[in-house]
Amino acid sequence: MPNVSSFRAIAGPQPIVLILGSMPSVRSLERNQYYGHVRNHFWPMLAALLGEALPEEYEARLQMLKRHRIALWDVAMSCTREGSRDNSIKNVRPNDVPAFLRMHPSINTVVFNGRTAQNLYNRFFDRMEQINYISFPSTSPIPTAHCRNLNEKLNAWEGLIPYLPD
């Protein structure tokens, strides 16, 4: 199985929310972009939740997150994985998420983008008392039993709105 590595964390000044994924897809790694697969729901969903038009350029998408004080990272720093599916992730080396949270004490909410991100976090780290932890369905375009399409995922992710700045 190929060994893959994630990207560096994305954070602007004083982030208050950290969204954690598991590991970028093969397409995201090829493009060197978080949620770089055109069918992934992450960017259209976040733009809708933030009340913004979806920026075309990747750097503008990152700036949108930073304006809204959202940081972005993955639980896994590296792993072995065949393809892009989370269920094939093995031999995980985690990013030091607790150190990132200590370096950014303004973060009060950690959002897990899917069950795998939550399970990996729980496997490697203890939860910090001062942090709210929320899990939402994966933004992957692959339907799940509970969220079959973008609208259902968007409805679930609306739970993020109370944790965002006004």
N, C-alpha and C. Protein backbone atom coordinates (compact mmCIF):
# COMPACT_ATOMS: atom_id res chain seq x y z
N MET A 1 0.84 -1.19 0.00
CA MET A 1 0.00 0.00 0.00
C MET A 1 0.88 1.25 0.00
N PRO A 2 0.50 2.27 -0.75
CA PRO A 2 1.29 3.50 -0.78
C PRO A 2 1.22 4.27 0.55
N ASN A 3 2.33 4.92 0.89
CA ASN A 3 2.37 5.80 2.03
C ASN A 3 1.99 7.20 1.54
N VAL A 4 1.07 7.86 2.24
CA VAL A 4 0.64 9.20 1.85
C VAL A 4 0.77 10.13 3.05
N SER A 5 0.97 11.41 2.76
CA SER A 5 1.12 12.42 3.81
C SER A 5 0.16 13.56 3.56
N SER A 6 -0.33 14.12 4.65
CA SER A 6 -1.27 15.23 4.59
C SER A 6 -0.56 16.55 4.34
N PHE A 7 -1.32 17.63 4.39
CA PHE A 7 -0.82 18.98 4.18
C PHE A 7 -0.57 19.66 5.52
N ARG A 8 0.07 20.82 5.45
CA ARG A 8 0.24 21.62 6.65
C ARG A 8 -1.13 22.18 7.07
N ALA A 9 -1.22 22.57 8.32
CA ALA A 9 -2.45 23.18 8.82
C ALA A 9 -2.66 24.54 8.16
N ILE A 10 -3.92 24.91 8.01
CA ILE A 10 -4.29 26.22 7.49
C ILE A 10 -4.94 26.97 8.64
N ALA A 11 -4.40 28.12 8.97
CA ALA A 11 -5.00 28.92 10.05
C ALA A 11 -4.63 30.38 9.86
N GLY A 12 -5.62 31.24 9.98
CA GLY A 12 -5.39 32.68 9.98
C GLY A 12 -5.23 33.15 11.41
N PRO A 13 -5.27 34.47 11.61
CA PRO A 13 -5.16 34.99 12.97
C PRO A 13 -6.40 34.66 13.81
N GLN A 14 -6.16 34.24 15.02
CA GLN A 14 -7.22 34.01 16.00
C GLN A 14 -8.35 33.09 15.51
N PRO A 15 -8.03 31.90 15.00
CA PRO A 15 -9.12 30.99 14.60
C PRO A 15 -9.93 30.56 15.82
N ILE A 16 -11.21 30.32 15.61
CA ILE A 16 -12.05 29.84 16.72
C ILE A 16 -12.60 28.45 16.47
N VAL A 17 -12.56 28.00 15.22
CA VAL A 17 -13.04 26.67 14.85
C VAL A 17 -11.91 25.96 14.10
N LEU A 18 -11.68 24.70 14.44
CA LEU A 18 -10.74 23.84 13.71
C LEU A 18 -11.54 22.71 13.10
N ILE A 19 -11.53 22.61 11.77
CA ILE A 19 -12.17 21.49 11.09
C ILE A 19 -11.09 20.46 10.80
N LEU A 20 -11.32 19.24 11.29
CA LEU A 20 -10.36 18.15 11.10
C LEU A 20 -10.92 17.10 10.16
N GLY A 21 -10.19 16.79 9.11
CA GLY A 21 -10.49 15.66 8.26
C GLY A 21 -9.63 14.49 8.67
N SER A 22 -9.66 13.44 7.89
CA SER A 22 -8.84 12.26 8.18
C SER A 22 -7.53 12.33 7.39
N MET A 23 -7.62 12.23 6.07
CA MET A 23 -6.46 12.27 5.16
C MET A 23 -6.99 12.69 3.79
N PRO A 24 -6.30 13.59 3.08
CA PRO A 24 -6.78 14.01 1.77
C PRO A 24 -6.89 12.83 0.79
N SER A 25 -7.85 12.96 -0.12
CA SER A 25 -8.04 11.95 -1.16
C SER A 25 -6.85 11.96 -2.13
N VAL A 26 -6.78 10.93 -2.94
CA VAL A 26 -5.74 10.86 -3.96
C VAL A 26 -5.78 12.10 -4.85
N ARG A 27 -6.98 12.49 -5.28
CA ARG A 27 -7.12 13.67 -6.16
C ARG A 27 -6.68 14.94 -5.44
N SER A 28 -7.03 15.08 -4.16
CA SER A 28 -6.61 16.25 -3.38
C SER A 28 -5.09 16.30 -3.27
N LEU A 29 -4.48 15.14 -3.04
CA LEU A 29 -3.02 15.08 -2.95
C LEU A 29 -2.37 15.46 -4.28
N GLU A 30 -2.96 14.97 -5.38
CA GLU A 30 -2.43 15.32 -6.71
C GLU A 30 -2.50 16.83 -6.96
N ARG A 31 -3.58 17.44 -6.51
CA ARG A 31 -3.77 18.87 -6.73
C ARG A 31 -3.13 19.73 -5.64
N ASN A 32 -2.65 19.07 -4.58
CA ASN A 32 -2.06 19.76 -3.43
C ASN A 32 -3.05 20.76 -2.82
N GLN A 33 -4.30 20.29 -2.65
CA GLN A 33 -5.37 21.13 -2.12
C GLN A 33 -6.25 20.32 -1.18
N TYR A 34 -6.57 20.92 -0.04
CA TYR A 34 -7.59 20.31 0.81
C TYR A 34 -8.89 20.23 0.02
N TYR A 35 -9.55 19.09 0.08
CA TYR A 35 -10.84 18.86 -0.57
C TYR A 35 -10.77 19.26 -2.04
N GLY A 36 -9.71 18.78 -2.70
CA GLY A 36 -9.44 19.15 -4.08
C GLY A 36 -10.23 18.40 -5.13
N HIS A 37 -10.93 17.34 -4.74
CA HIS A 37 -11.77 16.63 -5.72
C HIS A 37 -12.98 17.48 -6.03
N VAL A 38 -13.27 17.69 -7.30
CA VAL A 38 -14.35 18.61 -7.69
C VAL A 38 -15.72 18.16 -7.19
N ARG A 39 -15.88 16.87 -6.89
CA ARG A 39 -17.18 16.39 -6.41
C ARG A 39 -17.32 16.45 -4.89
N ASN A 40 -16.21 16.73 -4.16
CA ASN A 40 -16.32 16.82 -2.71
C ASN A 40 -17.20 18.01 -2.36
N HIS A 41 -18.03 17.83 -1.36
CA HIS A 41 -19.00 18.86 -0.99
C HIS A 41 -18.45 19.93 -0.06
N PHE A 42 -17.20 19.79 0.39
CA PHE A 42 -16.68 20.69 1.42
C PHE A 42 -16.78 22.17 1.03
N TRP A 43 -16.17 22.55 -0.07
CA TRP A 43 -16.11 23.97 -0.41
C TRP A 43 -17.47 24.58 -0.73
N PRO A 44 -18.32 23.93 -1.55
CA PRO A 44 -19.65 24.52 -1.78
C PRO A 44 -20.46 24.63 -0.48
N MET A 45 -20.32 23.64 0.38
CA MET A 45 -21.07 23.64 1.63
C MET A 45 -20.61 24.76 2.55
N LEU A 46 -19.29 24.89 2.71
CA LEU A 46 -18.77 25.94 3.59
C LEU A 46 -19.13 27.32 3.06
N ALA A 47 -19.02 27.53 1.76
CA ALA A 47 -19.40 28.83 1.19
C ALA A 47 -20.86 29.13 1.49
N ALA A 48 -21.74 28.14 1.32
CA ALA A 48 -23.16 28.34 1.61
C ALA A 48 -23.38 28.66 3.09
N LEU A 49 -22.73 27.92 3.97
CA LEU A 49 -22.88 28.17 5.41
C LEU A 49 -22.37 29.54 5.82
N LEU A 50 -21.33 30.00 5.13
CA LEU A 50 -20.73 31.29 5.46
C LEU A 50 -21.40 32.45 4.72
N GLY A 51 -22.38 32.14 3.88
CA GLY A 51 -23.10 33.18 3.14
C GLY A 51 -22.25 33.86 2.09
N GLU A 52 -21.33 33.11 1.49
CA GLU A 52 -20.44 33.66 0.47
C GLU A 52 -20.60 32.90 -0.84
N ALA A 53 -20.26 33.57 -1.93
CA ALA A 53 -20.17 32.89 -3.21
C ALA A 53 -18.93 31.99 -3.16
N LEU A 54 -19.02 30.85 -3.80
CA LEU A 54 -17.89 29.91 -3.81
C LEU A 54 -16.74 30.47 -4.65
N PRO A 55 -15.60 30.77 -4.02
CA PRO A 55 -14.47 31.27 -4.82
C PRO A 55 -13.97 30.19 -5.77
N GLU A 56 -13.54 30.61 -6.96
CA GLU A 56 -13.01 29.67 -7.94
C GLU A 56 -11.61 29.20 -7.55
N GLU A 57 -10.77 30.13 -7.12
CA GLU A 57 -9.37 29.83 -6.83
C GLU A 57 -9.20 29.24 -5.44
N TYR A 58 -8.31 28.28 -5.33
CA TYR A 58 -8.05 27.61 -4.05
C TYR A 58 -7.59 28.60 -2.99
N GLU A 59 -6.66 29.49 -3.32
CA GLU A 59 -6.16 30.46 -2.33
C GLU A 59 -7.29 31.34 -1.82
N ALA A 60 -8.22 31.71 -2.67
CA ALA A 60 -9.37 32.52 -2.25
C ALA A 60 -10.27 31.72 -1.32
N ARG A 61 -10.36 30.42 -1.54
CA ARG A 61 -11.15 29.56 -0.64
C ARG A 61 -10.51 29.53 0.75
N LEU A 62 -9.18 29.42 0.78
CA LEU A 62 -8.48 29.43 2.07
C LEU A 62 -8.68 30.77 2.77
N GLN A 63 -8.62 31.86 2.02
CA GLN A 63 -8.84 33.19 2.60
C GLN A 63 -10.25 33.31 3.17
N MET A 64 -11.24 32.71 2.50
CA MET A 64 -12.61 32.72 3.00
C MET A 64 -12.66 32.08 4.39
N LEU A 65 -12.00 30.93 4.54
CA LEU A 65 -11.98 30.28 5.84
C LEU A 65 -11.32 31.17 6.89
N LYS A 66 -10.18 31.73 6.54
CA LYS A 66 -9.45 32.57 7.49
C LYS A 66 -10.27 33.79 7.90
N ARG A 67 -10.99 34.40 6.96
CA ARG A 67 -11.86 35.55 7.29
C ARG A 67 -12.90 35.17 8.33
N HIS A 68 -13.35 33.93 8.26
CA HIS A 68 -14.39 33.47 9.18
C HIS A 68 -13.80 32.73 10.39
N ARG A 69 -12.48 32.85 10.54
CA ARG A 69 -11.75 32.33 11.69
C ARG A 69 -11.86 30.81 11.81
N ILE A 70 -11.80 30.15 10.66
CA ILE A 70 -11.84 28.69 10.60
C ILE A 70 -10.46 28.18 10.20
N ALA A 71 -9.93 27.25 10.99
CA ALA A 71 -8.68 26.57 10.67
C ALA A 71 -9.01 25.21 10.09
N LEU A 72 -8.06 24.63 9.36
CA LEU A 72 -8.30 23.38 8.65
C LEU A 72 -7.06 22.49 8.76
N TRP A 73 -7.28 21.21 9.06
CA TRP A 73 -6.17 20.28 9.14
C TRP A 73 -6.72 18.87 9.06
N ASP A 74 -5.83 17.88 9.16
CA ASP A 74 -6.21 16.47 9.20
C ASP A 74 -5.67 15.84 10.46
N VAL A 75 -6.35 14.83 10.96
CA VAL A 75 -5.86 14.11 12.13
C VAL A 75 -4.60 13.34 11.76
N ALA A 76 -4.59 12.71 10.60
CA ALA A 76 -3.44 11.91 10.19
C ALA A 76 -2.40 12.78 9.50
N MET A 77 -1.15 12.66 9.95
CA MET A 77 -0.03 13.30 9.25
C MET A 77 0.37 12.43 8.07
N SER A 78 0.37 11.10 8.30
CA SER A 78 0.69 10.16 7.23
C SER A 78 0.02 8.83 7.54
N CYS A 79 -0.10 8.03 6.52
CA CYS A 79 -0.69 6.70 6.67
C CYS A 79 -0.39 5.91 5.40
N THR A 80 -0.72 4.63 5.44
CA THR A 80 -0.74 3.86 4.21
C THR A 80 -2.20 3.71 3.82
N ARG A 81 -2.44 3.81 2.53
CA ARG A 81 -3.83 3.74 2.05
C ARG A 81 -3.83 3.39 0.59
N GLU A 82 -4.70 2.48 0.23
CA GLU A 82 -4.95 2.13 -1.16
C GLU A 82 -6.16 2.94 -1.61
N GLY A 83 -5.99 3.80 -2.61
CA GLY A 83 -7.11 4.62 -3.08
C GLY A 83 -7.39 5.77 -2.12
N SER A 84 -8.66 6.20 -2.09
CA SER A 84 -9.04 7.38 -1.30
C SER A 84 -9.98 7.08 -0.14
N ARG A 85 -10.47 5.87 -0.05
CA ARG A 85 -11.47 5.56 0.98
C ARG A 85 -10.88 5.55 2.38
N ASP A 86 -11.60 6.16 3.30
CA ASP A 86 -11.15 6.20 4.70
C ASP A 86 -11.01 4.81 5.31
N ASN A 87 -11.84 3.88 4.87
CA ASN A 87 -11.79 2.55 5.49
C ASN A 87 -10.53 1.76 5.11
N SER A 88 -9.72 2.31 4.20
CA SER A 88 -8.46 1.63 3.86
C SER A 88 -7.25 2.30 4.52
N ILE A 89 -7.49 3.28 5.40
CA ILE A 89 -6.39 3.96 6.10
C ILE A 89 -5.79 3.01 7.13
N LYS A 90 -4.46 2.86 7.08
CA LYS A 90 -3.71 2.00 8.01
C LYS A 90 -2.43 2.71 8.42
N ASN A 91 -1.81 2.22 9.48
CA ASN A 91 -0.49 2.69 9.92
C ASN A 91 -0.43 4.21 10.05
N VAL A 92 -1.36 4.76 10.80
CA VAL A 92 -1.48 6.21 10.94
C VAL A 92 -0.42 6.78 11.87
N ARG A 93 0.21 7.86 11.41
CA ARG A 93 1.02 8.73 12.27
C ARG A 93 0.23 10.02 12.38
N PRO A 94 -0.21 10.39 13.58
CA PRO A 94 -1.08 11.57 13.71
C PRO A 94 -0.30 12.88 13.69
N ASN A 95 -1.00 13.92 13.25
CA ASN A 95 -0.51 15.27 13.46
C ASN A 95 -0.63 15.58 14.95
N ASP A 96 0.14 16.52 15.45
CA ASP A 96 0.06 16.87 16.86
C ASP A 96 -1.04 17.92 17.06
N VAL A 97 -2.28 17.43 17.02
CA VAL A 97 -3.43 18.32 17.14
C VAL A 97 -3.45 19.02 18.49
N PRO A 98 -3.18 18.33 19.61
CA PRO A 98 -3.18 19.05 20.90
C PRO A 98 -2.19 20.22 20.92
N ALA A 99 -1.01 20.06 20.33
CA ALA A 99 -0.05 21.16 20.29
C ALA A 99 -0.60 22.31 19.45
N PHE A 100 -1.26 21.99 18.33
CA PHE A 100 -1.87 23.02 17.49
C PHE A 100 -2.92 23.79 18.29
N LEU A 101 -3.72 23.07 19.07
CA LEU A 101 -4.75 23.73 19.88
C LEU A 101 -4.11 24.61 20.95
N ARG A 102 -3.02 24.17 21.54
CA ARG A 102 -2.33 24.99 22.54
C ARG A 102 -1.72 26.23 21.89
N MET A 103 -1.25 26.10 20.65
CA MET A 103 -0.67 27.24 19.93
C MET A 103 -1.74 28.24 19.48
N HIS A 104 -2.99 27.77 19.42
CA HIS A 104 -4.11 28.62 18.99
C HIS A 104 -5.19 28.57 20.07
N PRO A 105 -4.94 29.23 21.22
CA PRO A 105 -5.89 29.14 22.34
C PRO A 105 -7.25 29.78 22.04
N SER A 106 -7.36 30.52 20.93
CA SER A 106 -8.64 31.10 20.54
C SER A 106 -9.61 30.03 20.02
N ILE A 107 -9.10 28.86 19.64
CA ILE A 107 -9.98 27.79 19.13
C ILE A 107 -10.78 27.22 20.29
N ASN A 108 -12.10 27.26 20.13
CA ASN A 108 -12.97 26.70 21.16
C ASN A 108 -13.84 25.57 20.65
N THR A 109 -13.74 25.27 19.35
CA THR A 109 -14.56 24.22 18.76
C THR A 109 -13.74 23.42 17.76
N VAL A 110 -13.79 22.10 17.89
CA VAL A 110 -13.19 21.19 16.93
C VAL A 110 -14.32 20.46 16.22
N VAL A 111 -14.30 20.51 14.90
CA VAL A 111 -15.32 19.86 14.08
C VAL A 111 -14.67 18.70 13.35
N PHE A 112 -15.27 17.53 13.46
CA PHE A 112 -14.78 16.36 12.74
C PHE A 112 -15.55 16.23 11.43
N ASN A 113 -14.82 16.23 10.32
CA ASN A 113 -15.43 16.04 9.01
C ASN A 113 -15.50 14.53 8.77
N GLY A 114 -16.52 13.91 9.33
CA GLY A 114 -16.74 12.48 9.15
C GLY A 114 -16.32 11.66 10.35
N ARG A 115 -16.84 10.46 10.37
CA ARG A 115 -16.60 9.54 11.49
C ARG A 115 -15.15 9.10 11.60
N THR A 116 -14.47 8.92 10.47
CA THR A 116 -13.07 8.48 10.53
C THR A 116 -12.20 9.52 11.24
N ALA A 117 -12.40 10.79 10.94
CA ALA A 117 -11.63 11.84 11.62
C ALA A 117 -11.88 11.78 13.12
N GLN A 118 -13.13 11.62 13.51
CA GLN A 118 -13.47 11.53 14.94
C GLN A 118 -12.82 10.30 15.57
N ASN A 119 -12.93 9.15 14.91
CA ASN A 119 -12.36 7.92 15.47
C ASN A 119 -10.85 8.00 15.59
N LEU A 120 -10.18 8.58 14.60
CA LEU A 120 -8.73 8.73 14.67
C LEU A 120 -8.34 9.67 15.82
N TYR A 121 -9.06 10.76 15.95
CA TYR A 121 -8.77 11.69 17.05
C TYR A 121 -8.92 10.97 18.39
N ASN A 122 -10.03 10.26 18.56
CA ASN A 122 -10.28 9.56 19.82
C ASN A 122 -9.23 8.47 20.08
N ARG A 123 -8.70 7.90 19.03
CA ARG A 123 -7.68 6.86 19.17
C ARG A 123 -6.35 7.42 19.69
N PHE A 124 -6.01 8.62 19.24
CA PHE A 124 -4.70 9.17 19.55
C PHE A 124 -4.69 10.24 20.65
N PHE A 125 -5.82 10.89 20.88
CA PHE A 125 -5.82 12.06 21.77
C PHE A 125 -6.96 12.03 22.77
N ASP A 126 -6.72 12.68 23.90
CA ASP A 126 -7.79 12.94 24.86
C ASP A 126 -8.45 14.25 24.46
N ARG A 127 -9.71 14.35 24.79
CA ARG A 127 -10.43 15.59 24.51
C ARG A 127 -10.09 16.62 25.59
N MET A 128 -9.97 17.86 25.17
CA MET A 128 -9.64 18.95 26.09
C MET A 128 -10.94 19.54 26.64
N GLU A 129 -10.95 19.80 27.92
CA GLU A 129 -12.19 20.25 28.58
C GLU A 129 -12.74 21.55 28.01
N GLN A 130 -11.88 22.48 27.63
CA GLN A 130 -12.33 23.80 27.21
C GLN A 130 -12.79 23.83 25.75
N ILE A 131 -12.73 22.70 25.07
CA ILE A 131 -13.06 22.63 23.64
C ILE A 131 -14.40 21.92 23.44
N ASN A 132 -15.24 22.49 22.56
CA ASN A 132 -16.45 21.81 22.10
C ASN A 132 -16.05 20.90 20.95
N TYR A 133 -16.53 19.67 20.95
CA TYR A 133 -16.25 18.72 19.87
C TYR A 133 -17.56 18.38 19.18
N ILE A 134 -17.58 18.53 17.86
CA ILE A 134 -18.78 18.28 17.08
C ILE A 134 -18.40 17.40 15.90
N SER A 135 -19.23 16.43 15.59
CA SER A 135 -18.99 15.57 14.45
C SER A 135 -20.10 15.75 13.42
N PHE A 136 -19.68 15.93 12.17
CA PHE A 136 -20.64 16.06 11.08
C PHE A 136 -20.35 14.99 10.03
N PRO A 137 -21.34 14.71 9.18
CA PRO A 137 -21.10 13.72 8.12
C PRO A 137 -19.96 14.16 7.21
N SER A 138 -19.24 13.21 6.69
CA SER A 138 -18.14 13.49 5.77
C SER A 138 -18.66 14.26 4.57
N THR A 139 -17.84 15.18 4.10
CA THR A 139 -18.21 15.94 2.90
C THR A 139 -17.86 15.20 1.62
N SER A 140 -17.37 13.99 1.75
CA SER A 140 -17.09 13.15 0.58
C SER A 140 -18.36 13.02 -0.26
N PRO A 141 -18.21 12.91 -1.58
CA PRO A 141 -19.41 12.75 -2.42
C PRO A 141 -20.04 11.36 -2.30
N ILE A 142 -19.38 10.45 -1.61
CA ILE A 142 -19.92 9.10 -1.46
C ILE A 142 -21.09 9.13 -0.48
N PRO A 143 -22.29 8.71 -0.89
CA PRO A 143 -23.45 8.72 0.00
C PRO A 143 -23.26 7.78 1.20
N THR A 144 -23.85 8.18 2.31
CA THR A 144 -23.87 7.32 3.50
C THR A 144 -25.32 6.96 3.80
N ALA A 145 -25.52 6.13 4.80
CA ALA A 145 -26.87 5.73 5.17
C ALA A 145 -27.70 6.92 5.63
N HIS A 146 -27.05 7.92 6.25
CA HIS A 146 -27.79 9.04 6.83
C HIS A 146 -27.76 10.30 5.97
N CYS A 147 -26.78 10.43 5.13
CA CYS A 147 -26.66 11.61 4.26
C CYS A 147 -26.34 11.16 2.85
N ARG A 148 -27.33 11.26 2.00
CA ARG A 148 -27.17 10.72 0.65
C ARG A 148 -26.73 11.77 -0.37
N ASN A 149 -26.90 13.06 -0.03
CA ASN A 149 -26.58 14.09 -1.03
C ASN A 149 -26.13 15.38 -0.36
N LEU A 150 -25.79 16.36 -1.18
CA LEU A 150 -25.29 17.64 -0.68
C LEU A 150 -26.29 18.33 0.24
N ASN A 151 -27.56 18.34 -0.12
CA ASN A 151 -28.56 19.02 0.71
C ASN A 151 -28.68 18.40 2.10
N GLU A 152 -28.65 17.08 2.18
CA GLU A 152 -28.72 16.42 3.48
C GLU A 152 -27.47 16.73 4.32
N LYS A 153 -26.32 16.77 3.67
CA LYS A 153 -25.09 17.11 4.39
C LYS A 153 -25.12 18.57 4.84
N LEU A 154 -25.59 19.44 3.97
CA LEU A 154 -25.69 20.85 4.32
C LEU A 154 -26.60 21.04 5.53
N ASN A 155 -27.73 20.34 5.54
CA ASN A 155 -28.64 20.42 6.69
C ASN A 155 -27.93 20.01 7.97
N ALA A 156 -27.16 18.95 7.91
CA ALA A 156 -26.43 18.50 9.10
C ALA A 156 -25.37 19.52 9.51
N TRP A 157 -24.62 20.03 8.55
CA TRP A 157 -23.53 20.97 8.84
C TRP A 157 -24.02 22.34 9.29
N GLU A 158 -25.32 22.63 9.13
CA GLU A 158 -25.86 23.89 9.65
C GLU A 158 -25.66 23.98 11.16
N GLY A 159 -25.42 22.85 11.81
CA GLY A 159 -25.11 22.84 13.24
C GLY A 159 -23.82 23.56 13.56
N LEU A 160 -23.01 23.87 12.57
CA LEU A 160 -21.77 24.61 12.78
C LEU A 160 -22.02 26.10 13.01
N ILE A 161 -23.10 26.62 12.45
CA ILE A 161 -23.37 28.06 12.45
C ILE A 161 -23.29 28.70 13.84
N PRO A 162 -23.86 28.09 14.90
CA PRO A 162 -23.77 28.74 16.21
C PRO A 162 -22.35 28.89 16.74
N TYR A 163 -21.41 28.15 16.21
CA TYR A 163 -20.02 28.21 16.70
C TYR A 163 -19.15 29.19 15.91
N LEU A 164 -19.71 29.77 14.87
CA LEU A 164 -18.97 30.73 14.04
C LEU A 164 -19.16 32.14 14.58
N PRO A 165 -18.20 33.04 14.31
CA PRO A 165 -18.37 34.42 14.77
C PRO A 165 -19.51 35.10 14.03
N ASP A 166 -20.07 36.07 14.66
CA ASP A 166 -21.20 36.82 14.03
C ASP A 166 -20.76 37.62 12.83
